[in-house]
Amino acid sequence: MFQRNRRYFGNASAWLVIGMSVILAIVVIGLATMNYNRERRYMATFLSEKGATLIRAFEAGARTGMMGAFGTLPRLDTLIKETAEQPDILYIAIVDPTGEIIAHSESDETGRTFLDAKSMKALEADKEVKWRTVSGEPLAAFEV
């Protein structure tokens, strides 16, 4: 039996093979962790850019709507509802600085409070797009 194992391992001891296996496992786990973290960063960047694009589109629609009748609430609600029906969008909410929902993809949410004052302060509008992940009941969401 000893001669058979010797044939497979050559002159290497069993401890050397075990040590090499442990080192290989550590390297594979390290590379997998780095890849996972990189993918999370790429996904966050992609989703925040997608959200920023939607925000800019609604802002542009509101600005052009002020020139005509597009900015009126029924037409804005229609735009929000139609856009929110895309498969990768859960909801769209337009919120004022106090946290009150001005327009929402679900009509019954309009007028309610979206977030408390502290959370709204963290998401305060500026030139940089802000986002957060929210763990909800049916799905976790990426909010921009």
N, C-alpha and C. Protein backbone atom coordinates (compact mmCIF):
# COMPACT_ATOMS: atom_id res chain seq x y z
N MET A 1 0.82 -1.19 0.00
CA MET A 1 0.00 0.00 0.00
C MET A 1 0.87 1.26 0.00
N PHE A 2 1.95 1.24 0.77
CA PHE A 2 2.82 2.40 0.86
C PHE A 2 3.46 2.71 -0.49
N GLN A 3 3.82 1.66 -1.23
CA GLN A 3 4.45 1.84 -2.53
C GLN A 3 3.48 2.49 -3.53
N ARG A 4 2.21 2.14 -3.45
CA ARG A 4 1.21 2.70 -4.36
C ARG A 4 1.08 4.21 -4.13
N ASN A 5 0.96 4.65 -2.87
CA ASN A 5 0.88 6.08 -2.56
C ASN A 5 2.16 6.80 -2.99
N ARG A 6 3.26 6.16 -2.85
CA ARG A 6 4.55 6.74 -3.23
C ARG A 6 4.56 7.04 -4.72
N ARG A 7 3.90 6.18 -5.49
CA ARG A 7 3.87 6.35 -6.93
C ARG A 7 3.10 7.62 -7.30
N TYR A 8 2.00 7.93 -6.59
CA TYR A 8 1.20 9.11 -6.90
C TYR A 8 1.85 10.40 -6.42
N PHE A 9 2.40 10.39 -5.22
CA PHE A 9 2.97 11.60 -4.64
C PHE A 9 4.44 11.79 -5.01
N GLY A 10 5.07 10.82 -5.56
CA GLY A 10 6.49 10.92 -5.85
C GLY A 10 7.28 10.91 -4.56
N ASN A 11 8.22 11.80 -4.42
CA ASN A 11 9.03 11.88 -3.22
C ASN A 11 8.47 12.89 -2.22
N ALA A 12 7.34 13.53 -2.52
CA ALA A 12 6.76 14.55 -1.64
C ALA A 12 6.06 13.87 -0.48
N SER A 13 6.19 14.48 0.68
CA SER A 13 5.52 13.91 1.84
C SER A 13 4.05 14.32 1.83
N ALA A 14 3.27 13.64 2.62
CA ALA A 14 1.84 13.94 2.70
C ALA A 14 1.62 15.34 3.27
N TRP A 15 2.49 15.78 4.18
CA TRP A 15 2.34 17.12 4.76
C TRP A 15 2.56 18.22 3.72
N LEU A 16 3.46 17.98 2.80
CA LEU A 16 3.70 18.94 1.74
C LEU A 16 2.48 19.08 0.84
N VAL A 17 1.87 17.97 0.52
CA VAL A 17 0.66 17.99 -0.32
C VAL A 17 -0.48 18.67 0.42
N ILE A 18 -0.63 18.37 1.70
CA ILE A 18 -1.68 19.02 2.50
C ILE A 18 -1.42 20.52 2.59
N GLY A 19 -0.18 20.91 2.82
CA GLY A 19 0.18 22.33 2.90
C GLY A 19 -0.10 23.06 1.60
N MET A 20 0.26 22.46 0.49
CA MET A 20 -0.01 23.08 -0.81
C MET A 20 -1.51 23.20 -1.06
N SER A 21 -2.26 22.22 -0.64
CA SER A 21 -3.71 22.27 -0.80
C SER A 21 -4.32 23.39 0.03
N VAL A 22 -3.83 23.57 1.25
CA VAL A 22 -4.33 24.65 2.11
C VAL A 22 -3.99 26.01 1.50
N ILE A 23 -2.77 26.16 1.01
CA ILE A 23 -2.37 27.43 0.38
C ILE A 23 -3.23 27.71 -0.85
N LEU A 24 -3.46 26.68 -1.66
CA LEU A 24 -4.31 26.85 -2.84
C LEU A 24 -5.72 27.24 -2.45
N ALA A 25 -6.26 26.63 -1.40
CA ALA A 25 -7.61 26.97 -0.94
C ALA A 25 -7.67 28.42 -0.46
N ILE A 26 -6.65 28.86 0.26
CA ILE A 26 -6.61 30.25 0.74
C ILE A 26 -6.57 31.22 -0.43
N VAL A 27 -5.77 30.93 -1.43
CA VAL A 27 -5.67 31.80 -2.61
C VAL A 27 -7.01 31.85 -3.34
N VAL A 28 -7.65 30.72 -3.53
CA VAL A 28 -8.94 30.68 -4.24
C VAL A 28 -10.00 31.46 -3.46
N ILE A 29 -10.04 31.30 -2.15
CA ILE A 29 -11.02 32.03 -1.33
C ILE A 29 -10.73 33.53 -1.38
N GLY A 30 -9.47 33.91 -1.32
CA GLY A 30 -9.10 35.33 -1.41
C GLY A 30 -9.49 35.94 -2.73
N LEU A 31 -9.23 35.26 -3.83
CA LEU A 31 -9.61 35.77 -5.14
C LEU A 31 -11.12 35.84 -5.31
N ALA A 32 -11.83 34.86 -4.78
CA ALA A 32 -13.29 34.88 -4.86
C ALA A 32 -13.87 36.06 -4.08
N THR A 33 -13.30 36.33 -2.91
CA THR A 33 -13.76 37.46 -2.10
C THR A 33 -13.49 38.78 -2.81
N MET A 34 -12.31 38.93 -3.39
CA MET A 34 -12.00 40.16 -4.13
C MET A 34 -12.93 40.33 -5.32
N ASN A 35 -13.22 39.26 -6.03
CA ASN A 35 -14.11 39.32 -7.18
C ASN A 35 -15.53 39.69 -6.75
N TYR A 36 -15.99 39.13 -5.65
CA TYR A 36 -17.33 39.43 -5.13
C TYR A 36 -17.45 40.91 -4.77
N ASN A 37 -16.45 41.44 -4.06
CA ASN A 37 -16.47 42.85 -3.67
C ASN A 37 -16.41 43.77 -4.89
N ARG A 38 -15.61 43.41 -5.89
CA ARG A 38 -15.53 44.20 -7.11
C ARG A 38 -16.87 44.21 -7.84
N GLU A 39 -17.53 43.07 -7.92
CA GLU A 39 -18.84 43.00 -8.57
C GLU A 39 -19.88 43.84 -7.84
N ARG A 40 -19.81 43.85 -6.51
CA ARG A 40 -20.74 44.69 -5.73
C ARG A 40 -20.52 46.17 -6.04
N ARG A 41 -19.25 46.59 -6.14
CA ARG A 41 -18.95 47.98 -6.48
C ARG A 41 -19.44 48.32 -7.87
N TYR A 42 -19.20 47.44 -8.84
CA TYR A 42 -19.67 47.68 -10.21
C TYR A 42 -21.19 47.76 -10.27
N MET A 43 -21.86 46.89 -9.54
CA MET A 43 -23.32 46.90 -9.56
C MET A 43 -23.86 48.18 -8.92
N ALA A 44 -23.25 48.62 -7.82
CA ALA A 44 -23.68 49.86 -7.18
C ALA A 44 -23.48 51.04 -8.12
N THR A 45 -22.35 51.08 -8.81
CA THR A 45 -22.09 52.15 -9.77
C THR A 45 -23.10 52.13 -10.90
N PHE A 46 -23.35 50.96 -11.45
CA PHE A 46 -24.30 50.82 -12.55
C PHE A 46 -25.70 51.26 -12.14
N LEU A 47 -26.16 50.77 -10.99
CA LEU A 47 -27.52 51.11 -10.55
C LEU A 47 -27.65 52.57 -10.18
N SER A 48 -26.63 53.16 -9.57
CA SER A 48 -26.72 54.58 -9.23
C SER A 48 -26.71 55.45 -10.48
N GLU A 49 -25.94 55.06 -11.50
CA GLU A 49 -25.97 55.80 -12.76
C GLU A 49 -27.32 55.67 -13.45
N LYS A 50 -27.90 54.48 -13.38
CA LYS A 50 -29.22 54.28 -13.97
C LYS A 50 -30.27 55.13 -13.24
N GLY A 51 -30.18 55.16 -11.92
CA GLY A 51 -31.10 55.99 -11.14
C GLY A 51 -30.90 57.47 -11.43
N ALA A 52 -29.64 57.90 -11.56
CA ALA A 52 -29.35 59.30 -11.87
C ALA A 52 -29.92 59.68 -13.23
N THR A 53 -29.87 58.76 -14.17
CA THR A 53 -30.43 59.02 -15.49
C THR A 53 -31.94 59.21 -15.39
N LEU A 54 -32.60 58.37 -14.62
CA LEU A 54 -34.05 58.54 -14.44
C LEU A 54 -34.37 59.87 -13.75
N ILE A 55 -33.57 60.24 -12.75
CA ILE A 55 -33.78 61.51 -12.06
C ILE A 55 -33.65 62.67 -13.03
N ARG A 56 -32.59 62.66 -13.84
CA ARG A 56 -32.40 63.74 -14.81
C ARG A 56 -33.52 63.77 -15.83
N ALA A 57 -34.02 62.62 -16.23
CA ALA A 57 -35.13 62.58 -17.19
C ALA A 57 -36.39 63.21 -16.59
N PHE A 58 -36.68 62.92 -15.33
CA PHE A 58 -37.85 63.53 -14.69
C PHE A 58 -37.65 65.03 -14.49
N GLU A 59 -36.43 65.44 -14.14
CA GLU A 59 -36.16 66.87 -14.00
C GLU A 59 -36.34 67.59 -15.32
N ALA A 60 -35.81 67.00 -16.39
CA ALA A 60 -35.96 67.62 -17.71
C ALA A 60 -37.43 67.65 -18.12
N GLY A 61 -38.15 66.58 -17.83
CA GLY A 61 -39.58 66.56 -18.15
C GLY A 61 -40.35 67.61 -17.37
N ALA A 62 -39.97 67.81 -16.12
CA ALA A 62 -40.65 68.83 -15.31
C ALA A 62 -40.32 70.23 -15.82
N ARG A 63 -39.05 70.45 -16.21
CA ARG A 63 -38.67 71.78 -16.72
C ARG A 63 -39.38 72.08 -18.03
N THR A 64 -39.40 71.12 -18.95
CA THR A 64 -40.09 71.36 -20.21
C THR A 64 -41.59 71.41 -20.00
N GLY A 65 -42.06 70.69 -19.02
CA GLY A 65 -43.48 70.71 -18.72
C GLY A 65 -43.95 72.05 -18.21
N MET A 66 -43.06 72.80 -17.58
CA MET A 66 -43.44 74.12 -17.09
C MET A 66 -43.74 75.07 -18.24
N MET A 67 -43.18 74.77 -19.41
CA MET A 67 -43.46 75.62 -20.58
C MET A 67 -44.84 75.36 -21.14
N GLY A 68 -45.33 74.17 -20.96
CA GLY A 68 -46.64 73.81 -21.46
C GLY A 68 -47.47 73.23 -20.33
N ALA A 69 -48.32 72.29 -20.68
CA ALA A 69 -49.20 71.68 -19.67
C ALA A 69 -48.67 70.35 -19.17
N PHE A 70 -47.45 69.98 -19.58
CA PHE A 70 -46.94 68.67 -19.20
C PHE A 70 -46.66 68.57 -17.70
N GLY A 71 -46.29 69.65 -17.08
CA GLY A 71 -45.92 69.63 -15.67
C GLY A 71 -47.09 69.48 -14.72
N THR A 72 -48.29 69.46 -15.25
CA THR A 72 -49.45 69.30 -14.38
C THR A 72 -49.42 67.91 -13.76
N LEU A 73 -49.99 67.78 -12.60
CA LEU A 73 -49.89 66.55 -11.81
C LEU A 73 -50.43 65.31 -12.53
N PRO A 74 -51.57 65.35 -13.21
CA PRO A 74 -52.04 64.11 -13.86
C PRO A 74 -51.07 63.58 -14.91
N ARG A 75 -50.45 64.46 -15.68
CA ARG A 75 -49.52 63.99 -16.71
C ARG A 75 -48.22 63.49 -16.07
N LEU A 76 -47.77 64.15 -15.03
CA LEU A 76 -46.58 63.70 -14.32
C LEU A 76 -46.83 62.34 -13.67
N ASP A 77 -48.01 62.16 -13.09
CA ASP A 77 -48.37 60.86 -12.51
C ASP A 77 -48.37 59.76 -13.56
N THR A 78 -48.89 60.08 -14.74
CA THR A 78 -48.92 59.09 -15.83
C THR A 78 -47.50 58.71 -16.24
N LEU A 79 -46.62 59.71 -16.36
CA LEU A 79 -45.23 59.42 -16.70
C LEU A 79 -44.57 58.54 -15.65
N ILE A 80 -44.81 58.84 -14.39
CA ILE A 80 -44.23 58.06 -13.30
C ILE A 80 -44.76 56.63 -13.31
N LYS A 81 -46.07 56.47 -13.48
CA LYS A 81 -46.67 55.13 -13.48
C LYS A 81 -46.16 54.30 -14.64
N GLU A 82 -46.08 54.90 -15.82
CA GLU A 82 -45.60 54.15 -16.99
C GLU A 82 -44.14 53.77 -16.85
N THR A 83 -43.34 54.66 -16.33
CA THR A 83 -41.92 54.35 -16.14
C THR A 83 -41.71 53.28 -15.08
N ALA A 84 -42.50 53.32 -14.03
CA ALA A 84 -42.36 52.35 -12.94
C ALA A 84 -42.81 50.95 -13.34
N GLU A 85 -43.47 50.81 -14.45
CA GLU A 85 -43.88 49.48 -14.91
C GLU A 85 -42.77 48.70 -15.58
N GLN A 86 -41.59 49.32 -15.71
CA GLN A 86 -40.44 48.60 -16.25
C GLN A 86 -40.09 47.46 -15.31
N PRO A 87 -39.61 46.34 -15.82
CA PRO A 87 -39.41 45.16 -14.96
C PRO A 87 -38.39 45.34 -13.84
N ASP A 88 -37.42 46.24 -13.99
CA ASP A 88 -36.40 46.38 -12.96
C ASP A 88 -36.61 47.59 -12.05
N ILE A 89 -37.79 48.19 -12.10
CA ILE A 89 -38.11 49.33 -11.24
C ILE A 89 -39.26 48.92 -10.32
N LEU A 90 -39.04 49.03 -9.01
CA LEU A 90 -40.09 48.69 -8.04
C LEU A 90 -41.09 49.81 -7.87
N TYR A 91 -40.59 51.04 -7.72
CA TYR A 91 -41.46 52.20 -7.57
C TYR A 91 -40.66 53.46 -7.88
N ILE A 92 -41.38 54.53 -8.12
CA ILE A 92 -40.78 55.84 -8.29
C ILE A 92 -41.53 56.79 -7.39
N ALA A 93 -40.80 57.56 -6.61
CA ALA A 93 -41.41 58.54 -5.71
C ALA A 93 -40.68 59.87 -5.86
N ILE A 94 -41.44 60.93 -6.01
CA ILE A 94 -40.88 62.27 -5.98
C ILE A 94 -41.24 62.85 -4.63
N VAL A 95 -40.20 63.25 -3.89
CA VAL A 95 -40.36 63.62 -2.49
C VAL A 95 -39.84 65.05 -2.28
N ASP A 96 -40.52 65.81 -1.44
CA ASP A 96 -40.02 67.15 -1.11
C ASP A 96 -38.99 67.04 0.03
N PRO A 97 -38.29 68.12 0.35
CA PRO A 97 -37.22 68.04 1.37
C PRO A 97 -37.69 67.61 2.75
N THR A 98 -38.97 67.75 3.06
CA THR A 98 -39.46 67.33 4.37
C THR A 98 -39.78 65.84 4.43
N GLY A 99 -39.78 65.17 3.28
CA GLY A 99 -40.06 63.74 3.24
C GLY A 99 -41.47 63.40 2.78
N GLU A 100 -42.26 64.40 2.45
CA GLU A 100 -43.63 64.14 1.99
C GLU A 100 -43.60 63.76 0.52
N ILE A 101 -44.36 62.73 0.16
CA ILE A 101 -44.40 62.24 -1.21
C ILE A 101 -45.30 63.16 -2.04
N ILE A 102 -44.72 63.76 -3.08
CA ILE A 102 -45.47 64.63 -3.97
C ILE A 102 -46.14 63.81 -5.07
N ALA A 103 -45.40 62.86 -5.63
CA ALA A 103 -45.94 61.98 -6.67
C ALA A 103 -45.32 60.61 -6.47
N HIS A 104 -46.11 59.58 -6.72
CA HIS A 104 -45.64 58.20 -6.52
C HIS A 104 -46.25 57.33 -7.61
N SER A 105 -45.56 56.23 -7.92
CA SER A 105 -46.08 55.33 -8.94
C SER A 105 -47.35 54.61 -8.48
N GLU A 106 -47.56 54.54 -7.17
CA GLU A 106 -48.81 54.02 -6.62
C GLU A 106 -49.57 55.20 -6.04
N SER A 107 -50.71 55.52 -6.61
CA SER A 107 -51.44 56.74 -6.28
C SER A 107 -51.76 56.88 -4.80
N ASP A 108 -52.05 55.79 -4.11
CA ASP A 108 -52.44 55.90 -2.70
C ASP A 108 -51.28 56.30 -1.79
N GLU A 109 -50.04 56.28 -2.28
CA GLU A 109 -48.88 56.68 -1.47
C GLU A 109 -48.68 58.20 -1.47
N THR A 110 -49.27 58.91 -2.42
CA THR A 110 -49.10 60.35 -2.52
C THR A 110 -49.65 61.04 -1.27
N GLY A 111 -48.85 61.95 -0.72
CA GLY A 111 -49.25 62.68 0.48
C GLY A 111 -48.72 62.08 1.76
N ARG A 112 -48.27 60.85 1.72
CA ARG A 112 -47.70 60.22 2.91
C ARG A 112 -46.26 60.65 3.10
N THR A 113 -45.71 60.28 4.24
CA THR A 113 -44.30 60.58 4.52
C THR A 113 -43.45 59.42 4.03
N PHE A 114 -42.45 59.74 3.22
CA PHE A 114 -41.58 58.71 2.65
C PHE A 114 -40.51 58.29 3.65
N LEU A 115 -39.80 59.26 4.22
CA LEU A 115 -38.75 58.99 5.19
C LEU A 115 -38.82 60.02 6.31
N ASP A 116 -38.23 59.69 7.45
CA ASP A 116 -38.17 60.67 8.53
C ASP A 116 -37.13 61.74 8.20
N ALA A 117 -37.09 62.78 9.02
CA ALA A 117 -36.23 63.93 8.75
C ALA A 117 -34.75 63.56 8.74
N LYS A 118 -34.34 62.67 9.62
CA LYS A 118 -32.92 62.26 9.69
C LYS A 118 -32.50 61.53 8.42
N SER A 119 -33.34 60.61 7.94
CA SER A 119 -33.02 59.88 6.72
C SER A 119 -33.05 60.80 5.50
N MET A 120 -33.97 61.76 5.50
CA MET A 120 -34.02 62.72 4.39
C MET A 120 -32.78 63.59 4.37
N LYS A 121 -32.25 63.93 5.53
CA LYS A 121 -31.03 64.73 5.61
C LYS A 121 -29.86 63.97 4.99
N ALA A 122 -29.82 62.66 5.22
CA ALA A 122 -28.74 61.84 4.66
C ALA A 122 -28.84 61.75 3.14
N LEU A 123 -30.05 61.84 2.61
CA LEU A 123 -30.26 61.76 1.16
C LEU A 123 -30.47 63.13 0.53
N GLU A 124 -30.08 64.19 1.24
CA GLU A 124 -30.29 65.55 0.75
C GLU A 124 -29.70 65.73 -0.64
N ALA A 125 -30.45 66.40 -1.49
CA ALA A 125 -30.05 66.57 -2.88
C ALA A 125 -28.82 67.47 -3.01
N ASP A 126 -27.87 67.04 -3.80
CA ASP A 126 -26.74 67.85 -4.21
C ASP A 126 -26.23 67.31 -5.53
N LYS A 127 -25.06 67.70 -5.94
CA LYS A 127 -24.56 67.29 -7.26
C LYS A 127 -24.22 65.80 -7.33
N GLU A 128 -23.89 65.20 -6.19
CA GLU A 128 -23.55 63.79 -6.16
C GLU A 128 -24.81 62.95 -5.93
N VAL A 129 -24.97 61.90 -6.71
CA VAL A 129 -26.12 61.02 -6.56
C VAL A 129 -25.92 60.17 -5.31
N LYS A 130 -26.93 60.12 -4.48
CA LYS A 130 -26.85 59.32 -3.25
C LYS A 130 -27.78 58.12 -3.39
N TRP A 131 -27.37 57.03 -2.76
CA TRP A 131 -28.15 55.81 -2.84
C TRP A 131 -28.04 55.06 -1.53
N ARG A 132 -28.93 54.10 -1.39
CA ARG A 132 -28.91 53.22 -0.22
C ARG A 132 -29.60 51.92 -0.59
N THR A 133 -29.30 50.88 0.15
CA THR A 133 -30.00 49.62 -0.05
C THR A 133 -31.01 49.46 1.08
N VAL A 134 -32.16 48.97 0.71
CA VAL A 134 -33.25 48.80 1.67
C VAL A 134 -33.68 47.34 1.60
N SER A 135 -33.72 46.70 2.76
CA SER A 135 -34.19 45.31 2.78
C SER A 135 -35.68 45.34 3.08
N GLY A 136 -36.45 45.00 2.07
CA GLY A 136 -37.91 45.00 2.21
C GLY A 136 -38.44 43.60 2.36
N GLU A 137 -39.75 43.50 2.52
CA GLU A 137 -40.39 42.20 2.72
C GLU A 137 -40.28 41.30 1.49
N PRO A 138 -40.77 41.74 0.30
CA PRO A 138 -40.64 40.81 -0.82
C PRO A 138 -39.24 40.81 -1.42
N LEU A 139 -38.62 41.99 -1.53
CA LEU A 139 -37.31 42.10 -2.18
C LEU A 139 -36.47 43.17 -1.49
N ALA A 140 -35.17 43.03 -1.61
CA ALA A 140 -34.29 44.11 -1.20
C ALA A 140 -34.26 45.11 -2.36
N ALA A 141 -34.14 46.40 -2.04
CA ALA A 141 -34.20 47.43 -3.07
C ALA A 141 -32.98 48.31 -3.01
N PHE A 142 -32.64 48.85 -4.15
CA PHE A 142 -31.55 49.82 -4.31
C PHE A 142 -32.23 51.14 -4.59
N GLU A 143 -32.21 52.05 -3.62
CA GLU A 143 -32.87 53.34 -3.78
C GLU A 143 -31.87 54.41 -4.14
N VAL A 144 -32.24 55.22 -5.14
CA VAL A 144 -31.40 56.34 -5.58
C VAL A 144 -32.18 57.60 -5.29
